[in-house]
Amino acid sequence: MKKLLVVIVLVSAGITAYGYLGFNTTEFVPDVSTVTLARGDVVDTVGATGALEAVTTVQVGSQVSGIIEELNADFNSIVRAGDVIARLEPSLFETQVEQGRANLARSEADVERLRVALEDAETQLARSEDLSSRQLISTTELEAAQVAVRSAAAQVKSADASVI
């Protein structure tokens, strides 16, 4: 009889547990929220770390060197063809222009001096030809006067070429 009593207690405990657990459990209902549909901008953000690199980069250079007096563009500035990016200090270039003008004036003075020497050589040749026609000077002296005229003419031509 003890066995029967143990079996009855176990069966009644099982029925009680089944009833308690079976009727107390609630069905899972998910949380749902609804929103009305509306048109709008899509906003997409990226959260990342790293270095940004430009799609296109251009090396900018100058034909001359010098001290920068004015800088009109900065790193990552947008520039177009023909934009003035920087201005150089003009004092060095102005000095070079003045030096060039002085060299030109000196060359023009050299040309004038050589023209005067050519005129003098031509005058000497005319005298030598006159004296040679009267046989008062030798042929060698006449030829020397002719060579002096040709030499002076060549020097004038060379000096003219250096002025241009």
N, C-alpha and C. Protein backbone atom coordinates (compact mmCIF):
# COMPACT_ATOMS: atom_id res chain seq x y z
N MET A 1 0.80 -1.15 0.00
CA MET A 1 0.00 0.00 0.00
C MET A 1 0.87 1.25 0.00
N LYS A 2 1.97 1.15 0.52
CA LYS A 2 2.88 2.26 0.50
C LYS A 2 3.25 2.61 -0.93
N LYS A 3 3.40 1.59 -1.70
CA LYS A 3 3.78 1.84 -3.08
C LYS A 3 2.67 2.57 -3.80
N LEU A 4 1.47 2.19 -3.52
CA LEU A 4 0.33 2.81 -4.17
C LEU A 4 0.21 4.26 -3.73
N LEU A 5 0.47 4.52 -2.51
CA LEU A 5 0.39 5.87 -2.00
C LEU A 5 1.48 6.73 -2.65
N VAL A 6 2.66 6.21 -2.83
CA VAL A 6 3.76 6.95 -3.44
C VAL A 6 3.40 7.25 -4.89
N VAL A 7 2.82 6.29 -5.59
CA VAL A 7 2.46 6.48 -7.00
C VAL A 7 1.37 7.54 -7.08
N ILE A 8 0.42 7.56 -6.21
CA ILE A 8 -0.67 8.52 -6.27
C ILE A 8 -0.12 9.92 -5.98
N VAL A 9 0.78 10.04 -5.03
CA VAL A 9 1.34 11.34 -4.70
C VAL A 9 2.15 11.86 -5.89
N LEU A 10 2.89 10.98 -6.52
CA LEU A 10 3.70 11.41 -7.67
C LEU A 10 2.80 11.82 -8.84
N VAL A 11 1.75 11.09 -9.11
CA VAL A 11 0.85 11.42 -10.21
C VAL A 11 0.15 12.73 -9.91
N SER A 12 -0.30 12.92 -8.69
CA SER A 12 -1.00 14.17 -8.38
C SER A 12 -0.03 15.35 -8.43
N ALA A 13 1.24 15.16 -8.04
CA ALA A 13 2.22 16.24 -8.13
C ALA A 13 2.50 16.57 -9.59
N GLY A 14 2.56 15.57 -10.46
CA GLY A 14 2.78 15.81 -11.89
C GLY A 14 1.62 16.56 -12.50
N ILE A 15 0.39 16.21 -12.14
CA ILE A 15 -0.80 16.88 -12.69
C ILE A 15 -0.82 18.32 -12.21
N THR A 16 -0.47 18.55 -10.98
CA THR A 16 -0.47 19.91 -10.43
C THR A 16 0.59 20.76 -11.15
N ALA A 17 1.77 20.21 -11.34
CA ALA A 17 2.83 20.95 -12.02
C ALA A 17 2.44 21.25 -13.46
N TYR A 18 1.86 20.27 -14.15
CA TYR A 18 1.44 20.48 -15.53
C TYR A 18 0.37 21.55 -15.60
N GLY A 19 -0.56 21.53 -14.72
CA GLY A 19 -1.62 22.53 -14.73
C GLY A 19 -1.09 23.91 -14.44
N TYR A 20 -0.17 24.01 -13.49
CA TYR A 20 0.38 25.31 -13.14
C TYR A 20 1.20 25.88 -14.30
N LEU A 21 2.07 25.09 -14.87
CA LEU A 21 2.92 25.57 -15.95
C LEU A 21 2.14 25.75 -17.25
N GLY A 22 1.20 24.89 -17.53
CA GLY A 22 0.46 24.95 -18.78
C GLY A 22 -0.48 26.13 -18.87
N PHE A 23 -1.10 26.51 -17.78
CA PHE A 23 -2.08 27.59 -17.82
C PHE A 23 -1.48 28.96 -17.48
N ASN A 24 -0.34 29.01 -16.85
CA ASN A 24 0.29 30.28 -16.48
C ASN A 24 1.18 30.85 -17.58
N THR A 25 1.59 30.10 -18.55
CA THR A 25 2.44 30.64 -19.61
C THR A 25 1.62 31.49 -20.55
N THR A 26 2.17 32.64 -20.89
CA THR A 26 1.49 33.52 -21.84
C THR A 26 2.18 33.40 -23.18
N GLU A 27 1.44 33.62 -24.21
CA GLU A 27 1.99 33.54 -25.56
C GLU A 27 2.85 34.76 -25.82
N PHE A 28 4.04 34.59 -26.50
CA PHE A 28 4.96 35.68 -26.80
C PHE A 28 4.36 36.57 -27.87
N VAL A 29 4.23 37.87 -27.56
CA VAL A 29 3.71 38.86 -28.51
C VAL A 29 4.83 39.89 -28.72
N PRO A 30 5.36 39.99 -29.97
CA PRO A 30 6.46 40.94 -30.20
C PRO A 30 5.96 42.38 -30.16
N ASP A 31 6.89 43.30 -29.79
CA ASP A 31 6.59 44.73 -29.79
C ASP A 31 6.66 45.24 -31.22
N VAL A 32 5.61 45.81 -31.71
CA VAL A 32 5.56 46.32 -33.08
C VAL A 32 5.10 47.76 -33.02
N SER A 33 5.85 48.63 -33.75
CA SER A 33 5.41 50.02 -33.85
C SER A 33 5.21 50.32 -35.33
N THR A 34 4.24 51.10 -35.64
CA THR A 34 3.94 51.43 -37.04
C THR A 34 4.11 52.94 -37.23
N VAL A 35 4.56 53.30 -38.45
CA VAL A 35 4.78 54.70 -38.80
C VAL A 35 4.19 54.91 -40.18
N THR A 36 3.61 56.09 -40.41
CA THR A 36 3.07 56.38 -41.74
C THR A 36 4.23 56.70 -42.67
N LEU A 37 4.10 56.29 -43.91
CA LEU A 37 5.14 56.47 -44.92
C LEU A 37 5.13 57.90 -45.44
N ALA A 38 6.33 58.52 -45.54
CA ALA A 38 6.44 59.88 -46.07
C ALA A 38 7.74 59.98 -46.87
N ARG A 39 7.74 60.82 -47.92
CA ARG A 39 8.95 61.03 -48.72
C ARG A 39 9.90 61.96 -47.97
N GLY A 40 11.23 61.73 -48.18
CA GLY A 40 12.22 62.58 -47.53
C GLY A 40 13.61 62.26 -48.07
N ASP A 41 14.59 63.01 -47.60
CA ASP A 41 15.98 62.79 -48.01
C ASP A 41 16.55 61.59 -47.28
N VAL A 42 17.37 60.86 -48.01
CA VAL A 42 18.07 59.74 -47.40
C VAL A 42 19.38 60.28 -46.84
N VAL A 43 19.58 60.10 -45.58
CA VAL A 43 20.80 60.57 -44.93
C VAL A 43 21.63 59.34 -44.61
N ASP A 44 22.86 59.35 -45.18
CA ASP A 44 23.74 58.22 -44.96
C ASP A 44 25.03 58.75 -44.34
N THR A 45 25.37 58.27 -43.20
CA THR A 45 26.60 58.71 -42.54
C THR A 45 27.52 57.52 -42.38
N VAL A 46 28.81 57.84 -42.44
CA VAL A 46 29.82 56.80 -42.26
C VAL A 46 30.66 57.22 -41.06
N GLY A 47 30.77 56.36 -40.13
CA GLY A 47 31.62 56.62 -38.98
C GLY A 47 32.88 55.79 -39.12
N ALA A 48 33.98 56.43 -39.50
CA ALA A 48 35.22 55.69 -39.71
C ALA A 48 36.40 56.60 -39.41
N THR A 49 37.53 56.01 -39.22
CA THR A 49 38.76 56.78 -39.02
C THR A 49 39.72 56.45 -40.15
N GLY A 50 40.57 57.39 -40.49
CA GLY A 50 41.54 57.16 -41.56
C GLY A 50 41.93 58.48 -42.20
N ALA A 51 42.71 58.38 -43.25
CA ALA A 51 43.19 59.57 -43.98
C ALA A 51 42.40 59.72 -45.27
N LEU A 52 41.98 60.96 -45.55
CA LEU A 52 41.29 61.25 -46.80
C LEU A 52 42.32 61.58 -47.87
N GLU A 53 42.07 61.13 -49.09
CA GLU A 53 42.95 61.44 -50.21
C GLU A 53 42.11 62.01 -51.34
N ALA A 54 42.67 63.02 -52.02
CA ALA A 54 41.96 63.64 -53.13
C ALA A 54 41.90 62.68 -54.31
N VAL A 55 40.84 62.81 -55.10
CA VAL A 55 40.70 61.98 -56.29
C VAL A 55 41.74 62.40 -57.32
N THR A 56 41.90 63.72 -57.49
CA THR A 56 42.86 64.25 -58.45
C THR A 56 43.77 65.24 -57.75
N THR A 57 45.07 65.07 -57.91
CA THR A 57 46.03 66.04 -57.39
C THR A 57 46.90 66.51 -58.54
N VAL A 58 47.35 67.74 -58.45
CA VAL A 58 48.15 68.34 -59.51
C VAL A 58 49.39 68.98 -58.89
N GLN A 59 50.55 68.74 -59.49
CA GLN A 59 51.77 69.39 -59.06
C GLN A 59 51.83 70.77 -59.73
N VAL A 60 52.06 71.79 -58.95
CA VAL A 60 52.13 73.15 -59.47
C VAL A 60 53.57 73.62 -59.33
N GLY A 61 54.09 74.23 -60.40
CA GLY A 61 55.47 74.71 -60.38
C GLY A 61 55.58 76.07 -61.03
N SER A 62 56.77 76.59 -61.01
CA SER A 62 57.04 77.90 -61.57
C SER A 62 58.24 77.81 -62.51
N GLN A 63 58.26 78.66 -63.52
CA GLN A 63 59.39 78.67 -64.45
C GLN A 63 60.58 79.40 -63.86
N VAL A 64 60.34 80.26 -62.88
CA VAL A 64 61.41 81.01 -62.23
C VAL A 64 61.32 80.79 -60.72
N SER A 65 62.41 81.09 -60.05
CA SER A 65 62.41 80.97 -58.60
C SER A 65 62.55 82.36 -57.99
N GLY A 66 62.12 82.47 -56.77
CA GLY A 66 62.21 83.75 -56.08
C GLY A 66 61.47 83.70 -54.76
N ILE A 67 61.42 84.83 -54.09
CA ILE A 67 60.73 84.94 -52.81
C ILE A 67 59.27 85.26 -53.09
N ILE A 68 58.36 84.49 -52.46
CA ILE A 68 56.93 84.69 -52.66
C ILE A 68 56.50 85.93 -51.89
N GLU A 69 55.90 86.87 -52.61
CA GLU A 69 55.42 88.11 -52.00
C GLU A 69 53.95 87.99 -51.62
N GLU A 70 53.16 87.28 -52.42
CA GLU A 70 51.72 87.18 -52.20
C GLU A 70 51.29 85.77 -52.58
N LEU A 71 50.51 85.12 -51.69
CA LEU A 71 50.02 83.77 -51.92
C LEU A 71 48.51 83.82 -51.97
N ASN A 72 47.92 83.49 -53.14
CA ASN A 72 46.48 83.62 -53.34
C ASN A 72 45.72 82.31 -53.22
N ALA A 73 46.40 81.21 -52.95
CA ALA A 73 45.73 79.91 -52.83
C ALA A 73 46.34 79.18 -51.64
N ASP A 74 45.53 78.31 -51.04
CA ASP A 74 45.98 77.53 -49.89
C ASP A 74 45.80 76.06 -50.20
N PHE A 75 46.26 75.21 -49.31
CA PHE A 75 46.12 73.77 -49.47
C PHE A 75 44.64 73.43 -49.61
N ASN A 76 44.32 72.61 -50.59
CA ASN A 76 42.95 72.16 -50.90
C ASN A 76 42.08 73.27 -51.49
N SER A 77 42.66 74.38 -51.93
CA SER A 77 41.88 75.41 -52.61
C SER A 77 41.59 74.95 -54.03
N ILE A 78 40.44 75.34 -54.53
CA ILE A 78 40.09 75.01 -55.91
C ILE A 78 40.61 76.15 -56.79
N VAL A 79 41.44 75.81 -57.77
CA VAL A 79 41.97 76.80 -58.70
C VAL A 79 41.68 76.35 -60.12
N ARG A 80 41.57 77.30 -61.00
CA ARG A 80 41.30 77.02 -62.41
C ARG A 80 42.50 77.49 -63.24
N ALA A 81 42.54 77.07 -64.48
CA ALA A 81 43.62 77.47 -65.38
C ALA A 81 43.59 78.99 -65.54
N GLY A 82 44.73 79.60 -65.43
CA GLY A 82 44.83 81.05 -65.58
C GLY A 82 44.75 81.81 -64.27
N ASP A 83 44.36 81.15 -63.16
CA ASP A 83 44.30 81.82 -61.86
C ASP A 83 45.71 82.13 -61.38
N VAL A 84 45.88 83.29 -60.77
CA VAL A 84 47.17 83.65 -60.19
C VAL A 84 47.23 83.01 -58.81
N ILE A 85 48.18 82.11 -58.63
CA ILE A 85 48.31 81.40 -57.36
C ILE A 85 49.25 82.15 -56.42
N ALA A 86 50.33 82.69 -56.98
CA ALA A 86 51.31 83.39 -56.14
C ALA A 86 52.00 84.47 -56.97
N ARG A 87 52.48 85.49 -56.28
CA ARG A 87 53.27 86.54 -56.91
C ARG A 87 54.65 86.55 -56.25
N LEU A 88 55.67 86.65 -57.09
CA LEU A 88 57.04 86.68 -56.58
C LEU A 88 57.48 88.12 -56.37
N GLU A 89 58.42 88.31 -55.46
CA GLU A 89 58.97 89.63 -55.21
C GLU A 89 59.70 90.11 -56.46
N PRO A 90 59.33 91.29 -57.00
CA PRO A 90 59.86 91.71 -58.31
C PRO A 90 61.25 92.33 -58.28
N SER A 91 61.82 92.58 -57.13
CA SER A 91 63.09 93.33 -57.08
C SER A 91 64.21 92.62 -57.84
N LEU A 92 64.29 91.29 -57.73
CA LEU A 92 65.34 90.55 -58.44
C LEU A 92 65.15 90.68 -59.95
N PHE A 93 63.90 90.59 -60.41
CA PHE A 93 63.63 90.68 -61.84
C PHE A 93 63.84 92.09 -62.36
N GLU A 94 63.48 93.08 -61.55
CA GLU A 94 63.71 94.47 -61.95
C GLU A 94 65.21 94.75 -62.10
N THR A 95 66.01 94.17 -61.21
CA THR A 95 67.46 94.33 -61.30
C THR A 95 67.98 93.70 -62.59
N GLN A 96 67.45 92.53 -62.93
CA GLN A 96 67.88 91.87 -64.17
C GLN A 96 67.48 92.69 -65.40
N VAL A 97 66.30 93.30 -65.36
CA VAL A 97 65.86 94.14 -66.49
C VAL A 97 66.78 95.35 -66.62
N GLU A 98 67.10 95.98 -65.50
CA GLU A 98 68.01 97.14 -65.53
C GLU A 98 69.39 96.73 -66.05
N GLN A 99 69.86 95.56 -65.64
CA GLN A 99 71.15 95.06 -66.12
C GLN A 99 71.09 94.84 -67.63
N GLY A 100 69.98 94.30 -68.11
CA GLY A 100 69.81 94.09 -69.55
C GLY A 100 69.80 95.41 -70.32
N ARG A 101 69.13 96.41 -69.75
CA ARG A 101 69.11 97.73 -70.40
C ARG A 101 70.52 98.33 -70.45
N ALA A 102 71.26 98.17 -69.38
CA ALA A 102 72.64 98.69 -69.35
C ALA A 102 73.50 97.97 -70.39
N ASN A 103 73.34 96.65 -70.50
CA ASN A 103 74.09 95.89 -71.51
C ASN A 103 73.72 96.33 -72.92
N LEU A 104 72.43 96.60 -73.15
CA LEU A 104 71.99 97.07 -74.47
C LEU A 104 72.61 98.43 -74.79
N ALA A 105 72.60 99.34 -73.82
CA ALA A 105 73.18 100.67 -74.04
C ALA A 105 74.68 100.55 -74.34
N ARG A 106 75.37 99.66 -73.60
CA ARG A 106 76.80 99.47 -73.85
C ARG A 106 77.03 98.90 -75.25
N SER A 107 76.21 97.94 -75.66
CA SER A 107 76.35 97.34 -76.99
C SER A 107 76.08 98.36 -78.08
N GLU A 108 75.06 99.21 -77.88
CA GLU A 108 74.77 100.25 -78.87
C GLU A 108 75.93 101.25 -78.96
N ALA A 109 76.53 101.57 -77.82
CA ALA A 109 77.70 102.47 -77.83
C ALA A 109 78.87 101.82 -78.55
N ASP A 110 79.05 100.51 -78.35
CA ASP A 110 80.12 99.80 -79.07
C ASP A 110 79.90 99.85 -80.57
N VAL A 111 78.64 99.67 -80.99
CA VAL A 111 78.32 99.72 -82.43
C VAL A 111 78.66 101.11 -82.97
N GLU A 112 78.28 102.13 -82.24
CA GLU A 112 78.56 103.50 -82.70
C GLU A 112 80.07 103.74 -82.78
N ARG A 113 80.82 103.28 -81.77
CA ARG A 113 82.28 103.44 -81.78
C ARG A 113 82.89 102.72 -82.99
N LEU A 114 82.40 101.51 -83.30
CA LEU A 114 82.92 100.75 -84.43
C LEU A 114 82.54 101.39 -85.76
N ARG A 115 81.39 102.04 -85.83
CA ARG A 115 81.00 102.75 -87.06
C ARG A 115 81.94 103.93 -87.30
N VAL A 116 82.27 104.62 -86.22
CA VAL A 116 83.22 105.74 -86.35
C VAL A 116 84.57 105.20 -86.81
N ALA A 117 84.99 104.06 -86.27
CA ALA A 117 86.27 103.46 -86.68
C ALA A 117 86.21 103.05 -88.14
N LEU A 118 85.04 102.55 -88.61
CA LEU A 118 84.87 102.18 -90.02
C LEU A 118 84.98 103.42 -90.90
N GLU A 119 84.33 104.51 -90.50
CA GLU A 119 84.42 105.75 -91.28
C GLU A 119 85.87 106.23 -91.36
N ASP A 120 86.58 106.12 -90.24
CA ASP A 120 87.99 106.53 -90.23
C ASP A 120 88.81 105.64 -91.17
N ALA A 121 88.54 104.32 -91.13
CA ALA A 121 89.27 103.40 -92.01
C ALA A 121 88.95 103.69 -93.47
N GLU A 122 87.69 104.04 -93.77
CA GLU A 122 87.32 104.38 -95.16
C GLU A 122 88.02 105.67 -95.59
N THR A 123 88.10 106.63 -94.69
CA THR A 123 88.81 107.88 -95.00
C THR A 123 90.29 107.60 -95.26
N GLN A 124 90.90 106.76 -94.43
CA GLN A 124 92.31 106.39 -94.62
C GLN A 124 92.50 105.66 -95.94
N LEU A 125 91.52 104.79 -96.30
CA LEU A 125 91.61 104.07 -97.57
C LEU A 125 91.54 105.04 -98.74
N ALA A 126 90.64 106.02 -98.67
CA ALA A 126 90.53 107.01 -99.75
C ALA A 126 91.85 107.78 -99.91
N ARG A 127 92.47 108.17 -98.81
CA ARG A 127 93.75 108.87 -98.88
C ARG A 127 94.83 107.96 -99.47
N SER A 128 94.80 106.68 -99.00
CA SER A 128 95.81 105.74 -99.50
C SER A 128 95.64 105.50 -100.99
N GLU A 129 94.39 105.42 -101.46
CA GLU A 129 94.16 105.23 -102.90
C GLU A 129 94.66 106.45 -103.68
N ASP A 130 94.42 107.64 -103.15
CA ASP A 130 94.89 108.86 -103.82
C ASP A 130 96.42 108.89 -103.87
N LEU A 131 97.03 108.55 -102.73
CA LEU A 131 98.49 108.54 -102.69
C LEU A 131 99.06 107.43 -103.56
N SER A 132 98.37 106.30 -103.60
CA SER A 132 98.85 105.18 -104.42
C SER A 132 98.74 105.52 -105.90
N SER A 133 97.68 106.25 -106.29
CA SER A 133 97.54 106.63 -107.70
C SER A 133 98.68 107.56 -108.13
N ARG A 134 99.22 108.32 -107.20
CA ARG A 134 100.34 109.19 -107.50
C ARG A 134 101.66 108.51 -107.17
N GLN A 135 101.57 107.25 -106.78
CA GLN A 135 102.71 106.40 -106.46
C GLN A 135 103.57 107.00 -105.35
N LEU A 136 102.87 107.52 -104.33
CA LEU A 136 103.58 108.07 -103.18
C LEU A 136 103.66 107.08 -102.02
N ILE A 137 102.80 105.99 -102.06
CA ILE A 137 102.89 104.92 -101.05
C ILE A 137 103.00 103.59 -101.76
N SER A 138 103.42 102.58 -101.02
CA SER A 138 103.59 101.26 -101.63
C SER A 138 102.24 100.54 -101.72
N THR A 139 102.23 99.50 -102.52
CA THR A 139 101.03 98.66 -102.68
C THR A 139 100.67 98.01 -101.34
N THR A 140 101.64 97.67 -100.57
CA THR A 140 101.41 97.03 -99.27
C THR A 140 100.63 97.95 -98.34
N GLU A 141 100.98 99.22 -98.34
CA GLU A 141 100.25 100.18 -97.50
C GLU A 141 98.82 100.35 -97.97
N LEU A 142 98.59 100.32 -99.29
CA LEU A 142 97.23 100.40 -99.82
C LEU A 142 96.43 99.18 -99.41
N GLU A 143 97.05 98.00 -99.53
CA GLU A 143 96.35 96.76 -99.15
C GLU A 143 96.05 96.75 -97.64
N ALA A 144 96.94 97.28 -96.84
CA ALA A 144 96.70 97.36 -95.39
C ALA A 144 95.49 98.24 -95.09
N ALA A 145 95.34 99.33 -95.83
CA ALA A 145 94.19 100.21 -95.65
C ALA A 145 92.91 99.50 -96.07
N GLN A 146 92.96 98.71 -97.16
CA GLN A 146 91.79 97.95 -97.60
C GLN A 146 91.40 96.90 -96.56
N VAL A 147 92.40 96.21 -96.00
CA VAL A 147 92.13 95.20 -94.96
C VAL A 147 91.53 95.86 -93.72
N ALA A 148 92.01 97.05 -93.37
CA ALA A 148 91.48 97.77 -92.21
C ALA A 148 90.01 98.10 -92.40
N VAL A 149 89.62 98.49 -93.63
CA VAL A 149 88.20 98.79 -93.92
C VAL A 149 87.37 97.53 -93.79
N ARG A 150 87.83 96.41 -94.38
CA ARG A 150 87.06 95.16 -94.30
C ARG A 150 86.94 94.68 -92.85
N SER A 151 88.01 94.80 -92.10
CA SER A 151 88.00 94.39 -90.69
C SER A 151 87.02 95.24 -89.88
N ALA A 152 87.05 96.55 -90.10
CA ALA A 152 86.14 97.45 -89.38
C ALA A 152 84.69 97.16 -89.75
N ALA A 153 84.44 96.86 -91.03
CA ALA A 153 83.07 96.53 -91.47
C ALA A 153 82.59 95.24 -90.81
N ALA A 154 83.47 94.25 -90.70
CA ALA A 154 83.11 92.99 -90.05
C ALA A 154 82.82 93.20 -88.57
N GLN A 155 83.60 94.06 -87.92
CA GLN A 155 83.36 94.34 -86.51
C GLN A 155 82.03 95.05 -86.29
N VAL A 156 81.67 95.96 -87.20
CA VAL A 156 80.37 96.64 -87.11
C VAL A 156 79.24 95.64 -87.28
N LYS A 157 79.38 94.74 -88.26
CA LYS A 157 78.35 93.74 -88.51
C LYS A 157 78.18 92.82 -87.29
N SER A 158 79.28 92.41 -86.69
CA SER A 158 79.24 91.56 -85.50
C SER A 158 78.58 92.28 -84.32
N ALA A 159 78.92 93.54 -84.13
CA ALA A 159 78.34 94.32 -83.03
C ALA A 159 76.84 94.54 -83.25
N ASP A 160 76.44 94.78 -84.52
CA ASP A 160 75.01 94.92 -84.83
C ASP A 160 74.25 93.64 -84.48
N ALA A 161 74.86 92.50 -84.78
CA ALA A 161 74.20 91.22 -84.49
C ALA A 161 74.05 91.01 -82.98
N SER A 162 75.00 91.49 -82.20
CA SER A 162 74.90 91.29 -80.74
C SER A 162 73.86 92.21 -80.12
N VAL A 163 73.52 93.31 -80.78
CA VAL A 163 72.50 94.23 -80.26
C VAL A 163 71.11 93.64 -80.44
N ILE A 164 70.91 92.93 -81.53
CA ILE A 164 69.59 92.35 -81.81
C ILE A 164 69.37 91.27 -80.85
